[in-house]
Amino acid sequence: MKGSAAMAEVIEPYAEALMALAKDSNCLDQFGEDASSIVAVMAESDELSGLMLSPVFEAVQKKAVIRQIFEGKIQPNMLNFLMLIVDRKRTAYLTGICKRYSELLRDMKQIVLAEVTSAIELDDAQRQSITEKVKAMTGAQSVEIESKVDSGLIGGVIIKVGSQVVDASLRGQLRRIGVNLSRA
């Protein structure tokens, strides 16, 4: 718990600074897209994550890699922010900062994030149906769906919005039936 509190102390001010920079640059949405792509690239590449976490590599080397990967693909101000993160030796927090920026942006735009786990890939009609249900549940103006597939669910979906979880999966229903039978 102490580690996550310390992380939050580092992540929050940088995410807020990034938000202020985005507002000043009138690039809120572009920075949001950039933050999402940075998180995705970091998640896809163990080598990049390892490089950013490693104290062995110098700032010059880290900056060169960042430029090679992101230059021309993200906003110049976002690239400058990444360079600042390297200079301040905060690369271990890069993913957390980008995720927190996305949260701040969603809060500002009154967008709710729904983490949806399904047995198969969702089609557009299913996404729309989930969006409408989450809007009704939360009163949000808009919903952003982050989906993943878990074939172990057998069927149905699990929707997580903040701390609320709606388990409409076949696996969850079978588990509830098992619990009820064991009580009987």
N, C-alpha and C. Protein backbone atom coordinates (compact mmCIF):
# COMPACT_ATOMS: atom_id res chain seq x y z
N MET A 1 0.83 -1.19 0.00
CA MET A 1 0.00 0.00 0.00
C MET A 1 0.86 1.25 0.00
N LYS A 2 1.96 1.21 0.75
CA LYS A 2 2.84 2.36 0.83
C LYS A 2 3.44 2.68 -0.54
N GLY A 3 3.78 1.63 -1.31
CA GLY A 3 4.34 1.82 -2.64
C GLY A 3 3.36 2.52 -3.58
N SER A 4 2.08 2.14 -3.52
CA SER A 4 1.10 2.75 -4.41
C SER A 4 0.82 4.20 -4.02
N ALA A 5 0.91 4.50 -2.73
CA ALA A 5 0.74 5.89 -2.29
C ALA A 5 1.90 6.74 -2.79
N ALA A 6 3.10 6.19 -2.72
CA ALA A 6 4.27 6.92 -3.21
C ALA A 6 4.17 7.10 -4.72
N MET A 7 3.69 6.07 -5.42
CA MET A 7 3.52 6.19 -6.87
C MET A 7 2.53 7.30 -7.20
N ALA A 8 1.42 7.33 -6.46
CA ALA A 8 0.40 8.34 -6.69
C ALA A 8 0.95 9.74 -6.47
N GLU A 9 1.83 9.89 -5.49
CA GLU A 9 2.45 11.19 -5.22
C GLU A 9 3.30 11.66 -6.39
N VAL A 10 3.86 10.74 -7.13
CA VAL A 10 4.67 11.09 -8.30
C VAL A 10 3.78 11.25 -9.53
N ILE A 11 2.87 10.31 -9.73
CA ILE A 11 2.04 10.28 -10.94
C ILE A 11 1.10 11.47 -11.02
N GLU A 12 0.42 11.79 -9.94
CA GLU A 12 -0.61 12.83 -9.96
C GLU A 12 -0.09 14.19 -10.43
N PRO A 13 1.00 14.73 -9.87
CA PRO A 13 1.44 16.04 -10.33
C PRO A 13 1.87 16.06 -11.80
N TYR A 14 2.48 14.98 -12.25
CA TYR A 14 2.89 14.93 -13.66
C TYR A 14 1.67 14.84 -14.58
N ALA A 15 0.68 14.06 -14.19
CA ALA A 15 -0.54 13.95 -14.99
C ALA A 15 -1.28 15.29 -15.03
N GLU A 16 -1.31 15.98 -13.90
CA GLU A 16 -1.95 17.30 -13.86
C GLU A 16 -1.16 18.32 -14.69
N ALA A 17 0.16 18.22 -14.66
CA ALA A 17 0.98 19.12 -15.49
C ALA A 17 0.75 18.84 -16.96
N LEU A 18 0.61 17.56 -17.31
CA LEU A 18 0.32 17.20 -18.69
C LEU A 18 -1.05 17.74 -19.10
N MET A 19 -2.01 17.69 -18.19
CA MET A 19 -3.34 18.23 -18.47
C MET A 19 -3.26 19.74 -18.69
N ALA A 20 -2.50 20.43 -17.87
CA ALA A 20 -2.35 21.88 -18.03
C ALA A 20 -1.68 22.20 -19.37
N LEU A 21 -0.68 21.42 -19.73
CA LEU A 21 -0.01 21.62 -21.02
C LEU A 21 -0.97 21.38 -22.17
N ALA A 22 -1.79 20.35 -22.06
CA ALA A 22 -2.78 20.04 -23.09
C ALA A 22 -3.80 21.17 -23.24
N LYS A 23 -4.24 21.71 -22.10
CA LYS A 23 -5.19 22.83 -22.14
C LYS A 23 -4.55 24.05 -22.79
N ASP A 24 -3.33 24.38 -22.37
CA ASP A 24 -2.63 25.53 -22.93
C ASP A 24 -2.40 25.39 -24.43
N SER A 25 -2.15 24.16 -24.87
CA SER A 25 -1.88 23.89 -26.28
C SER A 25 -3.16 23.66 -27.08
N ASN A 26 -4.29 23.62 -26.36
CA ASN A 26 -5.58 23.32 -26.98
C ASN A 26 -5.53 21.96 -27.70
N CYS A 27 -4.94 20.97 -27.01
CA CYS A 27 -4.74 19.64 -27.58
C CYS A 27 -5.23 18.54 -26.64
N LEU A 28 -6.31 18.76 -25.93
CA LEU A 28 -6.78 17.78 -24.95
C LEU A 28 -6.99 16.40 -25.57
N ASP A 29 -7.75 16.36 -26.66
CA ASP A 29 -8.07 15.07 -27.27
C ASP A 29 -6.84 14.43 -27.91
N GLN A 30 -6.01 15.25 -28.56
CA GLN A 30 -4.80 14.71 -29.18
C GLN A 30 -3.87 14.11 -28.13
N PHE A 31 -3.73 14.80 -27.00
CA PHE A 31 -2.90 14.27 -25.92
C PHE A 31 -3.51 12.97 -25.37
N GLY A 32 -4.84 12.91 -25.33
CA GLY A 32 -5.50 11.69 -24.89
C GLY A 32 -5.19 10.52 -25.80
N GLU A 33 -5.23 10.78 -27.11
CA GLU A 33 -4.88 9.74 -28.08
C GLU A 33 -3.41 9.36 -27.94
N ASP A 34 -2.55 10.37 -27.77
CA ASP A 34 -1.12 10.10 -27.60
C ASP A 34 -0.87 9.28 -26.35
N ALA A 35 -1.53 9.64 -25.25
CA ALA A 35 -1.35 8.90 -23.99
C ALA A 35 -1.77 7.45 -24.16
N SER A 36 -2.88 7.23 -24.85
CA SER A 36 -3.35 5.86 -25.10
C SER A 36 -2.36 5.08 -25.94
N SER A 37 -1.80 5.72 -26.97
CA SER A 37 -0.85 4.99 -27.81
C SER A 37 0.45 4.71 -27.06
N ILE A 38 0.87 5.62 -26.20
CA ILE A 38 2.08 5.38 -25.39
C ILE A 38 1.86 4.19 -24.47
N VAL A 39 0.70 4.14 -23.81
CA VAL A 39 0.39 3.01 -22.93
C VAL A 39 0.37 1.71 -23.73
N ALA A 40 -0.23 1.74 -24.91
CA ALA A 40 -0.31 0.53 -25.75
C ALA A 40 1.08 0.06 -26.17
N VAL A 41 1.92 0.99 -26.60
CA VAL A 41 3.28 0.63 -27.04
C VAL A 41 4.07 0.06 -25.87
N MET A 42 3.95 0.68 -24.70
CA MET A 42 4.68 0.20 -23.53
C MET A 42 4.19 -1.21 -23.14
N ALA A 43 2.90 -1.46 -23.26
CA ALA A 43 2.34 -2.76 -22.91
C ALA A 43 2.76 -3.85 -23.90
N GLU A 44 2.90 -3.47 -25.17
CA GLU A 44 3.25 -4.43 -26.21
C GLU A 44 4.73 -4.80 -26.20
N SER A 45 5.58 -3.93 -25.69
CA SER A 45 7.02 -4.14 -25.81
C SER A 45 7.69 -4.29 -24.44
N ASP A 46 8.02 -5.53 -24.12
CA ASP A 46 8.74 -5.78 -22.87
C ASP A 46 10.13 -5.13 -22.92
N GLU A 47 10.72 -5.10 -24.12
CA GLU A 47 12.05 -4.49 -24.26
C GLU A 47 12.01 -3.01 -23.94
N LEU A 48 11.00 -2.31 -24.46
CA LEU A 48 10.87 -0.88 -24.20
C LEU A 48 10.61 -0.63 -22.72
N SER A 49 9.72 -1.41 -22.14
CA SER A 49 9.43 -1.25 -20.71
C SER A 49 10.69 -1.50 -19.88
N GLY A 50 11.43 -2.52 -20.24
CA GLY A 50 12.67 -2.83 -19.54
C GLY A 50 13.69 -1.71 -19.66
N LEU A 51 13.80 -1.14 -20.84
CA LEU A 51 14.72 -0.03 -21.07
C LEU A 51 14.34 1.17 -20.21
N MET A 52 13.05 1.48 -20.17
CA MET A 52 12.60 2.65 -19.40
C MET A 52 12.81 2.45 -17.90
N LEU A 53 12.72 1.22 -17.44
CA LEU A 53 12.89 0.93 -16.02
C LEU A 53 14.36 0.78 -15.60
N SER A 54 15.20 0.51 -16.57
CA SER A 54 16.59 0.19 -16.27
C SER A 54 17.44 1.42 -15.91
N PRO A 55 18.14 1.35 -14.79
CA PRO A 55 19.06 2.45 -14.44
C PRO A 55 20.37 2.37 -15.22
N VAL A 56 20.59 1.26 -15.93
CA VAL A 56 21.82 1.06 -16.68
C VAL A 56 21.90 2.00 -17.89
N PHE A 57 20.74 2.24 -18.52
CA PHE A 57 20.71 3.08 -19.71
C PHE A 57 20.67 4.55 -19.33
N GLU A 58 21.46 5.33 -20.03
CA GLU A 58 21.55 6.77 -19.79
C GLU A 58 20.33 7.47 -20.39
N ALA A 59 20.09 8.69 -19.93
CA ALA A 59 18.96 9.49 -20.43
C ALA A 59 19.08 9.70 -21.94
N VAL A 60 20.27 9.90 -22.43
CA VAL A 60 20.48 10.13 -23.87
C VAL A 60 20.00 8.93 -24.67
N GLN A 61 20.29 7.73 -24.18
CA GLN A 61 19.87 6.51 -24.87
C GLN A 61 18.34 6.37 -24.83
N LYS A 62 17.76 6.64 -23.67
CA LYS A 62 16.31 6.54 -23.54
C LYS A 62 15.60 7.54 -24.45
N LYS A 63 16.14 8.76 -24.50
CA LYS A 63 15.54 9.80 -25.35
C LYS A 63 15.63 9.39 -26.82
N ALA A 64 16.74 8.81 -27.22
CA ALA A 64 16.92 8.39 -28.62
C ALA A 64 15.88 7.34 -28.99
N VAL A 65 15.64 6.41 -28.10
CA VAL A 65 14.65 5.37 -28.36
C VAL A 65 13.25 5.97 -28.42
N ILE A 66 12.94 6.86 -27.49
CA ILE A 66 11.63 7.51 -27.50
C ILE A 66 11.41 8.29 -28.80
N ARG A 67 12.42 9.02 -29.20
CA ARG A 67 12.31 9.78 -30.46
C ARG A 67 12.10 8.83 -31.64
N GLN A 68 12.85 7.75 -31.67
CA GLN A 68 12.75 6.80 -32.76
C GLN A 68 11.34 6.21 -32.85
N ILE A 69 10.75 5.94 -31.71
CA ILE A 69 9.43 5.31 -31.68
C ILE A 69 8.30 6.31 -31.91
N PHE A 70 8.38 7.47 -31.24
CA PHE A 70 7.22 8.37 -31.19
C PHE A 70 7.31 9.63 -32.04
N GLU A 71 8.49 10.05 -32.46
CA GLU A 71 8.61 11.31 -33.19
C GLU A 71 7.80 11.25 -34.48
N GLY A 72 6.98 12.27 -34.69
CA GLY A 72 6.10 12.33 -35.86
C GLY A 72 4.79 11.58 -35.67
N LYS A 73 4.68 10.82 -34.58
CA LYS A 73 3.47 10.05 -34.32
C LYS A 73 2.65 10.62 -33.18
N ILE A 74 3.27 11.47 -32.37
CA ILE A 74 2.55 12.12 -31.28
C ILE A 74 2.81 13.62 -31.37
N GLN A 75 2.02 14.39 -30.65
CA GLN A 75 2.17 15.84 -30.64
C GLN A 75 3.58 16.23 -30.18
N PRO A 76 4.17 17.27 -30.79
CA PRO A 76 5.51 17.70 -30.36
C PRO A 76 5.58 18.05 -28.87
N ASN A 77 4.54 18.68 -28.34
CA ASN A 77 4.54 19.00 -26.91
C ASN A 77 4.51 17.74 -26.05
N MET A 78 3.82 16.72 -26.53
CA MET A 78 3.80 15.44 -25.79
C MET A 78 5.19 14.80 -25.85
N LEU A 79 5.84 14.89 -26.98
CA LEU A 79 7.20 14.35 -27.10
C LEU A 79 8.14 15.10 -26.15
N ASN A 80 8.00 16.41 -26.07
CA ASN A 80 8.81 17.20 -25.13
C ASN A 80 8.54 16.78 -23.68
N PHE A 81 7.29 16.49 -23.39
CA PHE A 81 6.93 16.03 -22.05
C PHE A 81 7.62 14.71 -21.74
N LEU A 82 7.66 13.81 -22.72
CA LEU A 82 8.35 12.53 -22.53
C LEU A 82 9.84 12.75 -22.25
N MET A 83 10.42 13.72 -22.94
CA MET A 83 11.84 14.04 -22.71
C MET A 83 12.05 14.55 -21.27
N LEU A 84 11.09 15.35 -20.80
CA LEU A 84 11.16 15.85 -19.42
C LEU A 84 11.07 14.69 -18.43
N ILE A 85 10.20 13.73 -18.71
CA ILE A 85 10.06 12.56 -17.85
C ILE A 85 11.40 11.81 -17.77
N VAL A 86 12.08 11.70 -18.88
CA VAL A 86 13.39 11.04 -18.89
C VAL A 86 14.39 11.85 -18.07
N ASP A 87 14.43 13.17 -18.31
CA ASP A 87 15.37 14.03 -17.58
C ASP A 87 15.16 13.97 -16.08
N ARG A 88 13.91 13.86 -15.67
CA ARG A 88 13.59 13.84 -14.24
C ARG A 88 13.67 12.44 -13.63
N LYS A 89 14.10 11.48 -14.45
CA LYS A 89 14.22 10.08 -14.00
C LYS A 89 12.89 9.52 -13.48
N ARG A 90 11.85 9.79 -14.24
CA ARG A 90 10.51 9.33 -13.88
C ARG A 90 9.94 8.34 -14.90
N THR A 91 10.80 7.73 -15.70
CA THR A 91 10.32 6.83 -16.75
C THR A 91 9.58 5.62 -16.20
N ALA A 92 9.87 5.23 -14.97
CA ALA A 92 9.15 4.10 -14.36
C ALA A 92 7.67 4.43 -14.18
N TYR A 93 7.34 5.71 -14.16
CA TYR A 93 5.97 6.15 -13.93
C TYR A 93 5.25 6.55 -15.22
N LEU A 94 5.90 6.40 -16.36
CA LEU A 94 5.36 6.89 -17.62
C LEU A 94 3.97 6.32 -17.91
N THR A 95 3.81 5.02 -17.81
CA THR A 95 2.51 4.41 -18.09
C THR A 95 1.46 4.91 -17.11
N GLY A 96 1.81 5.00 -15.85
CA GLY A 96 0.87 5.50 -14.84
C GLY A 96 0.45 6.93 -15.09
N ILE A 97 1.41 7.76 -15.51
CA ILE A 97 1.10 9.16 -15.81
C ILE A 97 0.14 9.25 -16.98
N CYS A 98 0.40 8.47 -18.03
CA CYS A 98 -0.48 8.49 -19.20
C CYS A 98 -1.88 7.97 -18.87
N LYS A 99 -1.95 6.92 -18.07
CA LYS A 99 -3.27 6.40 -17.67
C LYS A 99 -4.02 7.42 -16.82
N ARG A 100 -3.31 8.07 -15.91
CA ARG A 100 -3.95 9.07 -15.05
C ARG A 100 -4.43 10.26 -15.88
N TYR A 101 -3.64 10.67 -16.88
CA TYR A 101 -4.07 11.75 -17.77
C TYR A 101 -5.39 11.36 -18.45
N SER A 102 -5.47 10.12 -18.92
CA SER A 102 -6.69 9.65 -19.59
C SER A 102 -7.88 9.70 -18.62
N GLU A 103 -7.64 9.34 -17.36
CA GLU A 103 -8.71 9.42 -16.34
C GLU A 103 -9.16 10.86 -16.13
N LEU A 104 -8.20 11.77 -16.02
CA LEU A 104 -8.53 13.19 -15.84
C LEU A 104 -9.33 13.72 -17.03
N LEU A 105 -8.94 13.31 -18.22
CA LEU A 105 -9.63 13.74 -19.43
C LEU A 105 -11.06 13.20 -19.44
N ARG A 106 -11.22 11.93 -19.09
CA ARG A 106 -12.58 11.36 -19.03
C ARG A 106 -13.42 12.08 -18.00
N ASP A 107 -12.85 12.35 -16.83
CA ASP A 107 -13.60 13.07 -15.78
C ASP A 107 -14.04 14.44 -16.28
N MET A 108 -13.14 15.14 -16.94
CA MET A 108 -13.45 16.48 -17.42
C MET A 108 -14.56 16.46 -18.47
N LYS A 109 -14.57 15.43 -19.30
CA LYS A 109 -15.56 15.33 -20.38
C LYS A 109 -16.78 14.52 -19.98
N GLN A 110 -16.85 14.13 -18.70
CA GLN A 110 -17.94 13.31 -18.17
C GLN A 110 -18.13 12.03 -18.98
N ILE A 111 -17.01 11.35 -19.20
CA ILE A 111 -17.01 10.07 -19.89
C ILE A 111 -16.69 9.00 -18.86
N VAL A 112 -17.46 7.92 -18.90
CA VAL A 112 -17.25 6.80 -17.98
C VAL A 112 -16.50 5.70 -18.73
N LEU A 113 -15.53 5.10 -18.06
CA LEU A 113 -14.81 3.97 -18.63
C LEU A 113 -15.48 2.68 -18.17
N ALA A 114 -15.88 1.87 -19.13
CA ALA A 114 -16.46 0.56 -18.84
C ALA A 114 -15.49 -0.50 -19.32
N GLU A 115 -14.98 -1.29 -18.38
CA GLU A 115 -14.09 -2.40 -18.72
C GLU A 115 -14.97 -3.61 -18.94
N VAL A 116 -15.01 -4.09 -20.18
CA VAL A 116 -15.91 -5.17 -20.55
C VAL A 116 -15.09 -6.41 -20.91
N THR A 117 -15.38 -7.50 -20.23
CA THR A 117 -14.75 -8.78 -20.53
C THR A 117 -15.84 -9.68 -21.10
N SER A 118 -15.58 -10.24 -22.27
CA SER A 118 -16.58 -11.10 -22.91
C SER A 118 -15.92 -12.39 -23.40
N ALA A 119 -16.77 -13.38 -23.68
CA ALA A 119 -16.26 -14.67 -24.14
C ALA A 119 -15.76 -14.59 -25.58
N ILE A 120 -16.36 -13.71 -26.36
CA ILE A 120 -15.95 -13.50 -27.76
C ILE A 120 -15.84 -12.00 -28.01
N GLU A 121 -15.23 -11.63 -29.12
CA GLU A 121 -15.10 -10.22 -29.48
C GLU A 121 -16.49 -9.61 -29.68
N LEU A 122 -16.69 -8.41 -29.14
CA LEU A 122 -17.98 -7.74 -29.25
C LEU A 122 -18.16 -7.14 -30.63
N ASP A 123 -19.38 -7.22 -31.16
CA ASP A 123 -19.67 -6.53 -32.42
C ASP A 123 -20.23 -5.14 -32.10
N ASP A 124 -20.49 -4.35 -33.12
CA ASP A 124 -20.94 -2.97 -32.91
C ASP A 124 -22.27 -2.88 -32.18
N ALA A 125 -23.19 -3.78 -32.50
CA ALA A 125 -24.51 -3.77 -31.84
C ALA A 125 -24.36 -4.08 -30.35
N GLN A 126 -23.51 -5.02 -30.01
CA GLN A 126 -23.29 -5.36 -28.61
C GLN A 126 -22.63 -4.20 -27.87
N ARG A 127 -21.65 -3.57 -28.51
CA ARG A 127 -20.99 -2.40 -27.90
C ARG A 127 -22.01 -1.30 -27.63
N GLN A 128 -22.89 -1.06 -28.60
CA GLN A 128 -23.91 -0.02 -28.45
C GLN A 128 -24.86 -0.35 -27.32
N SER A 129 -25.27 -1.61 -27.23
CA SER A 129 -26.17 -2.04 -26.16
C SER A 129 -25.51 -1.85 -24.79
N ILE A 130 -24.24 -2.23 -24.67
CA ILE A 130 -23.51 -2.06 -23.41
C ILE A 130 -23.38 -0.58 -23.09
N THR A 131 -23.08 0.23 -24.09
CA THR A 131 -22.95 1.68 -23.90
C THR A 131 -24.24 2.25 -23.32
N GLU A 132 -25.37 1.88 -23.89
CA GLU A 132 -26.67 2.39 -23.42
C GLU A 132 -26.95 1.96 -21.98
N LYS A 133 -26.64 0.70 -21.66
CA LYS A 133 -26.87 0.20 -20.30
C LYS A 133 -25.98 0.93 -19.29
N VAL A 134 -24.72 1.16 -19.67
CA VAL A 134 -23.81 1.85 -18.76
C VAL A 134 -24.24 3.30 -18.58
N LYS A 135 -24.70 3.95 -19.65
CA LYS A 135 -25.21 5.32 -19.53
C LYS A 135 -26.38 5.37 -18.55
N ALA A 136 -27.29 4.41 -18.67
CA ALA A 136 -28.45 4.36 -17.79
C ALA A 136 -28.03 4.09 -16.34
N MET A 137 -27.03 3.25 -16.17
CA MET A 137 -26.53 2.89 -14.84
C MET A 137 -25.85 4.06 -14.14
N THR A 138 -25.09 4.84 -14.91
CA THR A 138 -24.23 5.86 -14.32
C THR A 138 -24.71 7.29 -14.52
N GLY A 139 -25.55 7.50 -15.51
CA GLY A 139 -25.97 8.86 -15.83
C GLY A 139 -24.90 9.64 -16.59
N ALA A 140 -23.90 8.95 -17.10
CA ALA A 140 -22.81 9.60 -17.82
C ALA A 140 -23.29 10.07 -19.19
N GLN A 141 -22.62 11.10 -19.70
CA GLN A 141 -22.95 11.60 -21.03
C GLN A 141 -22.42 10.69 -22.12
N SER A 142 -21.29 10.07 -21.84
CA SER A 142 -20.65 9.23 -22.84
C SER A 142 -19.95 8.07 -22.14
N VAL A 143 -19.70 7.01 -22.89
CA VAL A 143 -19.06 5.82 -22.35
C VAL A 143 -17.91 5.40 -23.26
N GLU A 144 -16.79 5.11 -22.65
CA GLU A 144 -15.65 4.57 -23.38
C GLU A 144 -15.53 3.11 -22.97
N ILE A 145 -15.51 2.23 -23.96
CA ILE A 145 -15.44 0.80 -23.66
C ILE A 145 -14.03 0.29 -23.91
N GLU A 146 -13.51 -0.37 -22.88
CA GLU A 146 -12.21 -1.04 -22.99
C GLU A 146 -12.53 -2.52 -22.89
N SER A 147 -12.38 -3.24 -24.00
CA SER A 147 -12.82 -4.63 -24.00
C SER A 147 -11.66 -5.60 -24.08
N LYS A 148 -11.90 -6.76 -23.49
CA LYS A 148 -10.96 -7.87 -23.62
C LYS A 148 -11.76 -9.15 -23.68
N VAL A 149 -11.13 -10.17 -24.26
CA VAL A 149 -11.79 -11.45 -24.46
C VAL A 149 -11.22 -12.47 -23.47
N ASP A 150 -12.13 -13.21 -22.82
CA ASP A 150 -11.75 -14.30 -21.92
C ASP A 150 -12.66 -15.48 -22.25
N SER A 151 -12.15 -16.43 -23.00
CA SER A 151 -12.97 -17.56 -23.44
C SER A 151 -13.44 -18.41 -22.27
N GLY A 152 -12.83 -18.26 -21.09
CA GLY A 152 -13.24 -18.99 -19.90
C GLY A 152 -14.60 -18.56 -19.37
N LEU A 153 -15.12 -17.43 -19.87
CA LEU A 153 -16.45 -16.97 -19.43
C LEU A 153 -17.56 -17.84 -20.00
N ILE A 154 -17.27 -18.59 -21.04
CA ILE A 154 -18.20 -19.46 -21.74
C ILE A 154 -19.19 -18.64 -22.57
N GLY A 155 -19.80 -17.65 -21.98
CA GLY A 155 -20.75 -16.78 -22.67
C GLY A 155 -21.06 -15.59 -21.79
N GLY A 156 -21.67 -14.56 -22.37
CA GLY A 156 -22.04 -13.38 -21.61
C GLY A 156 -20.90 -12.40 -21.44
N VAL A 157 -21.08 -11.45 -20.51
CA VAL A 157 -20.08 -10.40 -20.29
C VAL A 157 -19.96 -10.06 -18.80
N ILE A 158 -18.82 -9.48 -18.47
CA ILE A 158 -18.61 -8.87 -17.16
C ILE A 158 -18.30 -7.41 -17.44
N ILE A 159 -19.06 -6.51 -16.82
CA ILE A 159 -18.87 -5.08 -17.03
C ILE A 159 -18.43 -4.46 -15.72
N LYS A 160 -17.29 -3.76 -15.76
CA LYS A 160 -16.79 -3.09 -14.56
C LYS A 160 -16.75 -1.59 -14.85
N VAL A 161 -17.46 -0.84 -14.03
CA VAL A 161 -17.47 0.62 -14.12
C VAL A 161 -17.09 1.14 -12.74
N GLY A 162 -15.88 1.65 -12.63
CA GLY A 162 -15.38 2.08 -11.33
C GLY A 162 -15.30 0.88 -10.40
N SER A 163 -15.99 0.96 -9.27
CA SER A 163 -15.98 -0.16 -8.33
C SER A 163 -17.20 -1.06 -8.52
N GLN A 164 -18.09 -0.70 -9.42
CA GLN A 164 -19.28 -1.51 -9.70
C GLN A 164 -18.96 -2.60 -10.70
N VAL A 165 -19.39 -3.83 -10.42
CA VAL A 165 -19.17 -4.94 -11.33
C VAL A 165 -20.51 -5.62 -11.59
N VAL A 166 -20.83 -5.79 -12.87
CA VAL A 166 -22.03 -6.51 -13.27
C VAL A 166 -21.55 -7.77 -13.98
N ASP A 167 -21.78 -8.92 -13.33
CA ASP A 167 -21.34 -10.20 -13.89
C ASP A 167 -22.53 -10.88 -14.55
N ALA A 168 -22.63 -10.75 -15.86
CA ALA A 168 -23.69 -11.39 -16.62
C ALA A 168 -23.10 -12.51 -17.48
N SER A 169 -22.05 -13.14 -16.95
CA SER A 169 -21.39 -14.22 -17.69
C SER A 169 -21.99 -15.56 -17.30
N LEU A 170 -21.87 -16.51 -18.18
CA LEU A 170 -22.35 -17.87 -17.90
C LEU A 170 -21.54 -18.49 -16.77
N ARG A 171 -20.23 -18.23 -16.74
CA ARG A 171 -19.39 -18.73 -15.67
C ARG A 171 -19.86 -18.18 -14.32
N GLY A 172 -20.18 -16.89 -14.28
CA GLY A 172 -20.67 -16.28 -13.04
C GLY A 172 -22.00 -16.85 -12.61
N GLN A 173 -22.89 -17.10 -13.57
CA GLN A 173 -24.19 -17.69 -13.24
C GLN A 173 -24.02 -19.10 -12.69
N LEU A 174 -23.12 -19.88 -13.31
CA LEU A 174 -22.86 -21.24 -12.82
C LEU A 174 -22.27 -21.22 -11.42
N ARG A 175 -21.38 -20.27 -11.16
CA ARG A 175 -20.78 -20.14 -9.84
C ARG A 175 -21.86 -19.80 -8.79
N ARG A 176 -22.77 -18.88 -9.14
CA ARG A 176 -23.84 -18.51 -8.20
C ARG A 176 -24.78 -19.69 -7.94
N ILE A 177 -25.06 -20.47 -8.97
CA ILE A 177 -25.90 -21.67 -8.79
C ILE A 177 -25.20 -22.65 -7.86
N GLY A 178 -23.89 -22.83 -8.06
CA GLY A 178 -23.12 -23.74 -7.19
C GLY A 178 -23.13 -23.29 -5.75
N VAL A 179 -22.99 -22.01 -5.52
CA VAL A 179 -23.02 -21.47 -4.15
C VAL A 179 -24.39 -21.72 -3.53
N ASN A 180 -25.45 -21.45 -4.28
CA ASN A 180 -26.80 -21.66 -3.76
C ASN A 180 -27.07 -23.13 -3.46
N LEU A 181 -26.57 -24.03 -4.30
CA LEU A 181 -26.75 -25.47 -4.06
C LEU A 181 -25.98 -25.92 -2.83
N SER A 182 -24.81 -25.36 -2.63
CA SER A 182 -24.01 -25.77 -1.47
C SER A 182 -24.65 -25.29 -0.16
N ARG A 183 -25.41 -24.22 -0.21
CA ARG A 183 -26.10 -23.70 0.97
C ARG A 183 -27.32 -24.55 1.32
N ALA A 184 -27.91 -25.13 0.28
CA ALA A 184 -29.17 -25.90 0.47
C ALA A 184 -28.95 -27.21 1.17
